[in-house]
N, C-alpha and C. Protein backbone atom coordinates (compact mmCIF):
# COMPACT_ATOMS: atom_id res chain seq x y z
N MET A 1 8.65 13.15 3.46
CA MET A 1 9.18 12.91 1.96
C MET A 1 8.22 12.16 1.02
N LEU A 2 7.78 10.97 1.76
CA LEU A 2 6.64 10.19 0.76
C LEU A 2 5.50 11.07 0.43
N CYS A 3 4.98 11.91 1.10
CA CYS A 3 3.92 12.64 0.77
C CYS A 3 4.18 13.64 -0.37
N VAL A 4 5.35 13.99 -0.41
CA VAL A 4 5.79 14.91 -1.58
C VAL A 4 5.94 14.05 -2.68
N LEU A 5 6.54 12.90 -2.61
CA LEU A 5 6.64 12.05 -3.78
C LEU A 5 5.34 11.57 -4.31
N ALA A 6 4.40 11.36 -3.48
CA ALA A 6 2.94 10.91 -3.86
C ALA A 6 2.29 12.08 -4.47
N GLY A 7 2.67 13.26 -4.23
CA GLY A 7 1.91 14.37 -4.64
C GLY A 7 0.91 14.89 -3.80
N ASP A 8 0.99 14.45 -2.64
CA ASP A 8 -0.13 14.82 -1.56
C ASP A 8 0.50 16.13 -0.91
N LEU A 9 1.59 16.57 -0.96
CA LEU A 9 2.30 17.59 -0.41
C LEU A 9 3.24 18.34 -1.34
N ALA A 10 3.15 19.60 -1.45
CA ALA A 10 4.09 20.44 -2.27
C ALA A 10 5.50 20.33 -1.55
N PRO A 11 6.54 20.42 -2.31
CA PRO A 11 7.93 20.64 -1.73
C PRO A 11 8.17 21.81 -1.25
N ASP A 12 9.01 22.07 -0.21
CA ASP A 12 9.38 23.44 0.37
C ASP A 12 9.92 24.25 -0.61
N GLN A 13 10.85 23.68 -1.55
CA GLN A 13 11.44 24.42 -2.53
C GLN A 13 11.76 23.38 -3.62
N GLY A 14 12.05 23.98 -4.72
CA GLY A 14 12.29 23.28 -6.01
C GLY A 14 10.80 22.41 -6.68
N GLU A 15 11.20 21.43 -7.32
CA GLU A 15 10.11 20.60 -7.78
C GLU A 15 10.26 19.28 -7.68
N CYS A 16 9.31 18.48 -7.71
CA CYS A 16 9.54 17.03 -7.72
C CYS A 16 8.79 16.45 -8.82
N LYS A 17 9.66 15.84 -9.87
CA LYS A 17 9.10 15.17 -10.91
C LYS A 17 8.75 13.74 -10.55
N ARG A 18 7.64 13.15 -10.89
CA ARG A 18 7.29 11.81 -10.57
C ARG A 18 6.68 11.17 -11.77
N PRO A 19 6.69 9.86 -11.79
CA PRO A 19 6.06 9.13 -12.97
C PRO A 19 4.47 9.14 -12.80
N GLU A 20 3.98 9.00 -13.96
CA GLU A 20 2.42 8.99 -13.96
C GLU A 20 1.74 8.02 -13.11
N ARG A 21 2.24 6.81 -13.16
CA ARG A 21 1.60 5.83 -12.38
C ARG A 21 2.24 5.61 -11.04
N ILE A 22 1.70 5.92 -9.98
CA ILE A 22 2.32 5.90 -8.63
C ILE A 22 1.39 5.07 -7.61
N GLY A 23 1.94 4.09 -7.04
CA GLY A 23 1.24 3.23 -6.06
C GLY A 23 1.57 3.72 -4.71
N TRP A 24 0.56 4.36 -4.01
CA TRP A 24 0.93 4.85 -2.61
C TRP A 24 0.26 4.20 -1.43
N LEU A 25 0.96 3.67 -0.66
CA LEU A 25 0.45 2.97 0.63
C LEU A 25 0.98 3.96 1.95
N PRO A 26 0.09 4.90 2.37
CA PRO A 26 0.28 5.66 3.35
C PRO A 26 0.09 4.84 4.67
N GLN A 27 0.82 5.22 5.67
CA GLN A 27 0.81 4.51 7.02
C GLN A 27 -0.54 4.36 7.49
N GLU A 28 -1.29 5.33 7.42
CA GLU A 28 -2.69 5.39 7.98
C GLU A 28 -3.68 5.03 6.92
N THR A 29 -4.60 4.37 7.18
CA THR A 29 -5.76 4.13 6.21
C THR A 29 -6.94 5.05 6.45
N GLU A 30 -7.19 5.79 5.64
CA GLU A 30 -8.36 6.64 5.76
C GLU A 30 -9.69 5.95 5.30
N ILE A 31 -10.80 6.12 6.15
CA ILE A 31 -12.20 5.43 5.71
C ILE A 31 -12.92 6.60 5.38
N ALA A 32 -13.40 6.57 4.05
CA ALA A 32 -14.28 7.63 3.53
C ALA A 32 -15.58 7.39 3.84
N ASP A 33 -16.12 6.26 3.78
CA ASP A 33 -17.53 5.78 4.13
C ASP A 33 -17.40 4.52 4.93
N ARG A 34 -17.77 4.58 6.27
CA ARG A 34 -17.55 3.45 6.98
C ARG A 34 -18.82 2.50 6.74
N GLN A 35 -19.70 2.75 6.13
CA GLN A 35 -20.97 1.83 5.70
C GLN A 35 -20.61 1.06 4.64
N GLN A 36 -19.77 1.55 3.61
CA GLN A 36 -19.34 0.96 2.41
C GLN A 36 -18.88 -0.50 2.69
N SER A 37 -19.17 -1.38 1.69
CA SER A 37 -18.76 -2.84 2.03
C SER A 37 -17.19 -2.91 1.53
N LEU A 38 -16.58 -3.95 1.99
CA LEU A 38 -15.10 -4.19 1.77
C LEU A 38 -15.02 -4.31 0.18
N LEU A 39 -15.96 -4.97 -0.61
CA LEU A 39 -15.86 -5.07 -1.90
C LEU A 39 -15.97 -3.95 -2.56
N ALA A 40 -17.00 -2.96 -2.18
CA ALA A 40 -17.24 -1.68 -2.85
C ALA A 40 -16.09 -0.72 -2.59
N ALA A 41 -15.35 -0.73 -1.42
CA ALA A 41 -14.28 0.09 -1.12
C ALA A 41 -13.08 -0.39 -2.00
N PHE A 42 -12.85 -1.70 -2.18
CA PHE A 42 -11.75 -2.10 -3.10
C PHE A 42 -12.10 -1.66 -4.56
N ALA A 43 -13.34 -1.72 -5.04
CA ALA A 43 -13.72 -1.39 -6.45
C ALA A 43 -13.89 0.02 -6.75
N ALA A 44 -13.91 0.96 -5.57
CA ALA A 44 -13.98 2.40 -5.85
C ALA A 44 -13.08 2.86 -6.85
N GLY A 45 -13.61 3.54 -7.76
CA GLY A 45 -12.75 4.12 -8.92
C GLY A 45 -12.52 3.23 -10.07
N LEU A 46 -12.90 2.00 -9.87
CA LEU A 46 -12.85 1.09 -11.20
C LEU A 46 -14.23 1.08 -11.90
N PRO A 47 -14.09 0.75 -13.24
CA PRO A 47 -15.45 0.77 -14.09
C PRO A 47 -16.31 -0.35 -13.62
N GLY A 48 -17.49 -0.16 -13.88
CA GLY A 48 -18.51 -1.17 -13.61
C GLY A 48 -18.95 -1.31 -12.05
N VAL A 49 -19.63 -2.27 -11.73
CA VAL A 49 -20.32 -2.50 -10.42
C VAL A 49 -19.27 -3.10 -9.55
N PRO A 50 -19.39 -2.93 -8.23
CA PRO A 50 -18.26 -3.67 -7.34
C PRO A 50 -18.38 -5.09 -7.64
N GLU A 51 -19.48 -5.72 -7.78
CA GLU A 51 -19.66 -7.23 -7.91
C GLU A 51 -18.65 -7.68 -9.07
N GLU A 52 -18.34 -6.88 -9.93
CA GLU A 52 -17.56 -7.41 -11.16
C GLU A 52 -15.98 -7.55 -10.71
N HIS A 53 -15.81 -7.09 -9.68
CA HIS A 53 -14.30 -7.14 -9.19
C HIS A 53 -14.15 -8.03 -7.98
N TRP A 54 -15.14 -8.84 -7.65
CA TRP A 54 -14.87 -9.79 -6.52
C TRP A 54 -13.73 -10.76 -6.71
N GLY A 55 -13.78 -11.20 -8.05
CA GLY A 55 -12.58 -12.22 -8.37
C GLY A 55 -11.18 -11.63 -8.18
N SER A 56 -10.91 -10.45 -8.48
CA SER A 56 -9.74 -9.70 -8.40
C SER A 56 -9.29 -9.63 -6.89
N LEU A 57 -10.28 -9.24 -6.17
CA LEU A 57 -10.05 -8.98 -4.62
C LEU A 57 -9.65 -10.29 -3.99
N LEU A 58 -10.53 -11.35 -4.37
CA LEU A 58 -10.10 -12.55 -3.71
C LEU A 58 -8.91 -13.19 -4.12
N GLY A 59 -8.59 -12.96 -5.60
CA GLY A 59 -7.21 -13.43 -6.24
C GLY A 59 -6.05 -13.06 -5.37
N PHE A 60 -6.17 -12.04 -4.69
CA PHE A 60 -4.98 -11.66 -3.78
C PHE A 60 -4.62 -12.58 -2.47
N GLY A 61 -5.81 -13.13 -2.21
CA GLY A 61 -5.51 -14.11 -1.03
C GLY A 61 -5.58 -13.39 0.24
N LEU A 62 -6.11 -12.11 0.30
CA LEU A 62 -6.12 -11.41 1.64
C LEU A 62 -7.28 -11.49 2.33
N PHE A 63 -8.47 -11.92 1.62
CA PHE A 63 -9.74 -11.96 2.37
C PHE A 63 -10.52 -13.17 1.94
N ARG A 64 -11.32 -13.61 2.74
CA ARG A 64 -12.30 -14.87 2.59
C ARG A 64 -13.55 -14.25 1.73
N PRO A 65 -14.24 -15.07 0.93
CA PRO A 65 -15.52 -14.65 0.44
C PRO A 65 -16.40 -13.97 1.45
N SER A 66 -16.47 -14.52 2.56
CA SER A 66 -17.63 -14.12 3.60
C SER A 66 -17.21 -12.66 4.08
N ALA A 67 -16.08 -12.17 4.00
CA ALA A 67 -15.79 -10.76 4.27
C ALA A 67 -16.10 -9.74 3.35
N LEU A 68 -16.50 -10.09 2.11
CA LEU A 68 -16.53 -9.10 1.22
C LEU A 68 -17.74 -8.04 1.45
N SER A 69 -18.63 -8.52 2.10
CA SER A 69 -20.05 -7.73 2.41
C SER A 69 -19.71 -7.02 3.85
N THR A 70 -18.71 -7.13 4.51
CA THR A 70 -18.63 -6.46 5.75
C THR A 70 -18.15 -5.01 5.54
N ALA A 71 -18.85 -4.20 6.37
CA ALA A 71 -18.82 -2.76 6.40
C ALA A 71 -17.23 -2.51 6.69
N VAL A 72 -16.81 -1.42 5.96
CA VAL A 72 -15.34 -0.99 6.28
C VAL A 72 -15.38 -0.57 7.75
N GLY A 73 -16.19 0.15 8.16
CA GLY A 73 -16.09 0.47 9.55
C GLY A 73 -16.02 -0.58 10.58
N ASP A 74 -16.38 -1.69 10.16
CA ASP A 74 -16.33 -2.79 11.13
C ASP A 74 -15.07 -3.66 10.82
N LEU A 75 -14.19 -3.36 9.95
CA LEU A 75 -13.02 -4.16 9.82
C LEU A 75 -11.91 -3.72 10.94
N SER A 76 -11.09 -4.79 11.09
CA SER A 76 -10.03 -4.39 12.05
C SER A 76 -9.01 -3.79 11.49
N THR A 77 -7.89 -3.22 12.24
CA THR A 77 -6.82 -2.40 11.67
C THR A 77 -6.09 -3.24 10.72
N GLY A 78 -5.82 -4.49 10.98
CA GLY A 78 -5.09 -5.36 10.06
C GLY A 78 -5.96 -5.62 8.73
N GLN A 79 -7.16 -5.59 8.77
CA GLN A 79 -8.01 -5.76 7.65
C GLN A 79 -7.93 -4.63 6.77
N LEU A 80 -7.93 -3.48 7.46
CA LEU A 80 -7.83 -2.22 6.69
C LEU A 80 -6.76 -2.12 5.99
N ARG A 81 -5.56 -2.56 6.70
CA ARG A 81 -4.29 -2.64 6.00
C ARG A 81 -4.29 -3.41 4.76
N ARG A 82 -4.86 -4.63 4.93
CA ARG A 82 -4.77 -5.70 3.77
C ARG A 82 -5.72 -5.04 2.63
N LEU A 83 -7.01 -4.27 3.02
CA LEU A 83 -7.60 -3.59 1.93
C LEU A 83 -6.84 -2.76 1.21
N ALA A 84 -5.89 -1.73 1.89
CA ALA A 84 -5.15 -0.81 1.34
C ALA A 84 -4.13 -1.56 0.43
N LEU A 85 -3.54 -2.72 0.81
CA LEU A 85 -2.59 -3.49 0.17
C LEU A 85 -3.33 -3.85 -1.23
N ALA A 86 -4.45 -4.41 -1.13
CA ALA A 86 -5.32 -4.95 -2.22
C ALA A 86 -5.51 -3.87 -3.23
N ARG A 87 -5.93 -2.58 -2.83
CA ARG A 87 -6.05 -1.50 -3.62
C ARG A 87 -4.94 -1.18 -4.47
N LEU A 88 -3.77 -1.17 -3.64
CA LEU A 88 -2.40 -0.92 -4.22
C LEU A 88 -2.06 -1.70 -5.31
N LEU A 89 -2.38 -3.10 -4.98
CA LEU A 89 -1.90 -4.07 -6.12
C LEU A 89 -2.66 -4.20 -7.26
N ARG A 90 -4.05 -3.56 -7.16
CA ARG A 90 -4.96 -3.77 -8.35
C ARG A 90 -4.63 -2.96 -9.58
N ASP A 91 -3.92 -1.85 -9.34
CA ASP A 91 -3.42 -1.01 -10.45
C ASP A 91 -1.94 -0.93 -10.74
N PRO A 92 -1.56 -1.10 -11.95
CA PRO A 92 -0.05 -1.12 -12.33
C PRO A 92 0.52 0.25 -11.79
N ALA A 93 1.84 0.22 -11.49
CA ALA A 93 2.57 1.46 -11.04
C ALA A 93 4.02 1.25 -11.50
N ASP A 94 4.49 2.39 -11.67
CA ASP A 94 5.84 2.42 -11.92
C ASP A 94 6.69 2.85 -10.85
N LEU A 95 6.17 3.39 -9.87
CA LEU A 95 6.79 3.79 -8.55
C LEU A 95 5.92 3.40 -7.40
N LEU A 96 6.46 2.56 -6.45
CA LEU A 96 5.59 2.10 -5.26
C LEU A 96 6.29 3.13 -4.12
N LEU A 97 5.46 3.55 -3.35
CA LEU A 97 5.69 4.34 -2.21
C LEU A 97 5.01 3.69 -1.07
N LEU A 98 5.79 3.15 -0.13
CA LEU A 98 5.21 2.26 0.94
C LEU A 98 5.67 2.86 2.25
N ASP A 99 4.84 3.38 3.16
CA ASP A 99 5.07 3.88 4.39
C ASP A 99 4.70 2.84 5.48
N GLU A 100 5.67 2.36 6.26
CA GLU A 100 5.55 1.26 7.10
C GLU A 100 4.60 0.04 6.63
N PRO A 101 5.05 -0.54 5.57
CA PRO A 101 4.12 -1.53 4.81
C PRO A 101 3.69 -2.73 5.76
N THR A 102 4.43 -3.03 6.67
CA THR A 102 4.36 -4.25 7.54
C THR A 102 3.40 -4.04 8.72
N ASN A 103 3.07 -2.69 9.09
CA ASN A 103 2.25 -2.47 10.22
C ASN A 103 0.89 -3.32 10.15
N HIS A 104 0.84 -4.02 11.07
CA HIS A 104 -0.51 -4.65 11.43
C HIS A 104 -0.78 -5.83 10.29
N LEU A 105 0.31 -6.49 9.92
CA LEU A 105 0.28 -7.65 9.01
C LEU A 105 0.62 -8.87 9.94
N SER A 106 0.15 -10.01 9.43
CA SER A 106 0.70 -11.23 10.18
C SER A 106 1.97 -11.62 9.48
N PRO A 107 2.86 -12.29 10.34
CA PRO A 107 4.21 -12.70 9.87
C PRO A 107 4.11 -13.19 8.55
N ALA A 108 3.06 -14.34 8.16
CA ALA A 108 3.20 -14.97 6.83
C ALA A 108 2.89 -13.96 5.97
N LEU A 109 2.09 -12.97 6.11
CA LEU A 109 1.66 -11.90 5.02
C LEU A 109 2.89 -10.94 4.78
N VAL A 110 3.65 -10.62 5.86
CA VAL A 110 4.89 -9.79 5.63
C VAL A 110 5.89 -10.79 4.86
N GLU A 111 6.06 -12.07 4.93
CA GLU A 111 6.92 -12.91 4.14
C GLU A 111 6.41 -12.61 2.64
N ASP A 112 5.02 -12.81 2.37
CA ASP A 112 4.57 -12.83 0.98
C ASP A 112 4.81 -11.48 0.47
N LEU A 113 4.64 -10.31 1.32
CA LEU A 113 4.96 -8.99 0.81
C LEU A 113 6.34 -8.82 0.40
N GLU A 114 7.33 -9.42 1.19
CA GLU A 114 8.66 -9.38 0.88
C GLU A 114 9.09 -10.06 -0.34
N GLU A 115 8.49 -11.18 -0.64
CA GLU A 115 8.52 -11.79 -1.79
C GLU A 115 8.16 -11.10 -3.06
N ALA A 116 7.11 -10.53 -2.90
CA ALA A 116 6.46 -9.80 -3.89
C ALA A 116 7.41 -8.62 -4.28
N LEU A 117 7.84 -7.83 -3.27
CA LEU A 117 8.63 -6.86 -3.53
C LEU A 117 9.91 -7.03 -4.22
N ALA A 118 10.48 -8.27 -3.89
CA ALA A 118 11.73 -8.75 -4.26
C ALA A 118 11.64 -8.92 -5.92
N HIS A 119 10.45 -9.33 -6.52
CA HIS A 119 10.22 -9.37 -7.78
C HIS A 119 9.55 -8.25 -8.54
N TYR A 120 9.31 -7.11 -7.79
CA TYR A 120 8.74 -5.88 -8.44
C TYR A 120 9.75 -5.30 -9.39
N GLN A 121 9.33 -5.00 -10.55
CA GLN A 121 10.23 -4.30 -11.47
C GLN A 121 10.37 -2.74 -11.56
N GLY A 122 9.69 -2.08 -10.93
CA GLY A 122 9.52 -0.75 -11.04
C GLY A 122 10.41 0.03 -9.70
N ALA A 123 10.41 1.24 -9.61
CA ALA A 123 10.95 1.77 -8.58
C ALA A 123 10.29 1.80 -7.27
N LEU A 124 11.03 1.54 -6.15
CA LEU A 124 10.37 1.22 -4.79
C LEU A 124 10.90 2.19 -3.74
N VAL A 125 10.22 2.89 -3.09
CA VAL A 125 10.54 3.79 -1.94
C VAL A 125 9.91 3.02 -0.72
N VAL A 126 10.68 2.65 0.25
CA VAL A 126 9.93 2.04 1.49
C VAL A 126 10.48 2.77 2.66
N VAL A 127 9.66 3.08 3.64
CA VAL A 127 9.89 3.68 4.92
C VAL A 127 9.35 2.72 5.94
N SER A 128 10.54 2.20 6.71
CA SER A 128 10.25 1.10 7.61
C SER A 128 10.98 1.17 8.99
N HIS A 129 10.34 0.76 10.04
CA HIS A 129 11.09 0.85 11.11
C HIS A 129 11.09 -0.57 11.64
N ASP A 130 10.55 -1.61 10.91
CA ASP A 130 10.58 -3.04 11.05
C ASP A 130 12.13 -3.52 10.89
N ARG A 131 12.66 -4.01 11.92
CA ARG A 131 14.12 -4.35 11.78
C ARG A 131 14.22 -5.47 10.94
N MET A 132 13.34 -6.57 11.23
CA MET A 132 13.50 -7.85 10.36
C MET A 132 13.25 -7.56 8.81
N PHE A 133 12.19 -6.71 8.55
CA PHE A 133 11.89 -6.48 7.32
C PHE A 133 13.03 -5.67 6.55
N ALA A 134 13.71 -4.64 7.21
CA ALA A 134 14.88 -3.90 6.82
C ALA A 134 15.96 -4.70 6.61
N GLN A 135 16.28 -5.68 7.42
CA GLN A 135 17.40 -6.67 7.33
C GLN A 135 17.22 -7.42 6.03
N ARG A 136 16.05 -7.91 5.80
CA ARG A 136 16.05 -8.93 4.63
C ARG A 136 15.83 -8.11 3.31
N PHE A 137 15.52 -6.79 3.35
CA PHE A 137 15.41 -6.05 2.07
C PHE A 137 16.66 -6.05 1.28
N THR A 138 16.53 -6.33 0.09
CA THR A 138 17.74 -6.49 -0.94
C THR A 138 18.02 -5.29 -1.65
N GLY A 139 17.10 -4.26 -1.57
CA GLY A 139 17.52 -2.93 -2.53
C GLY A 139 18.43 -2.17 -1.73
N ARG A 140 18.63 -1.11 -2.61
CA ARG A 140 19.56 -0.01 -1.95
C ARG A 140 18.94 0.73 -0.80
N ARG A 141 19.78 0.85 0.11
CA ARG A 141 19.49 1.45 1.50
C ARG A 141 19.90 2.75 1.60
N MET A 142 19.06 3.68 2.18
CA MET A 142 19.42 5.00 2.63
C MET A 142 18.77 5.30 3.90
N HIS A 143 19.15 6.30 4.50
CA HIS A 143 18.60 6.80 5.76
C HIS A 143 18.75 8.07 5.83
N MET A 144 18.01 8.79 6.75
CA MET A 144 17.90 10.28 6.83
C MET A 144 18.83 10.56 8.18
N GLU A 145 19.46 11.66 8.14
CA GLU A 145 20.13 12.30 9.35
C GLU A 145 20.06 13.81 9.15
N GLY A 146 19.38 14.42 10.11
CA GLY A 146 19.45 15.85 10.02
C GLY A 146 18.60 16.35 8.74
N GLY A 147 17.69 15.55 8.39
CA GLY A 147 16.94 15.97 7.18
C GLY A 147 17.46 15.72 5.81
N ARG A 148 18.62 14.99 5.82
CA ARG A 148 19.17 14.80 4.57
C ARG A 148 19.48 13.21 4.40
N PHE A 149 19.65 12.74 3.23
CA PHE A 149 19.66 11.35 2.91
C PHE A 149 21.18 10.87 3.11
N VAL A 150 21.45 9.89 3.64
CA VAL A 150 22.93 9.31 3.83
C VAL A 150 22.81 7.84 3.43
N GLU A 151 23.71 7.48 2.61
CA GLU A 151 23.74 6.20 2.22
C GLU A 151 24.67 5.33 3.22
């Protein structure tokens, strides 16, 4: 379902209307260039050179300055997840699609994420099997049974 909402997959039938600005956090982080630095991977697609964006990346509090030159291929799974979150946060979005957003995050970072999502003003679709995260989630809840949504 999230892949259809994100536009990565066509619906089996009908059509899916989506807003122009979508923030998509897939469950798995794909690495296009394992040699690319953390900073370059964060800045990919942004105007200017990567060095112009170090302040934005560090401003999220997800990485130390010493990590910015680390090759993406040398990052841990948790660091890759934090990079994906930073890329998600860097661009404004009207709809956030989050697939298992707490995977590979420290408990403190999960709390920060929960706080940020509580103040998010746009539409939010979250898929999570994290029971604590789900219990603390204050938005409208739905689940799927037999391929259909149930409230």
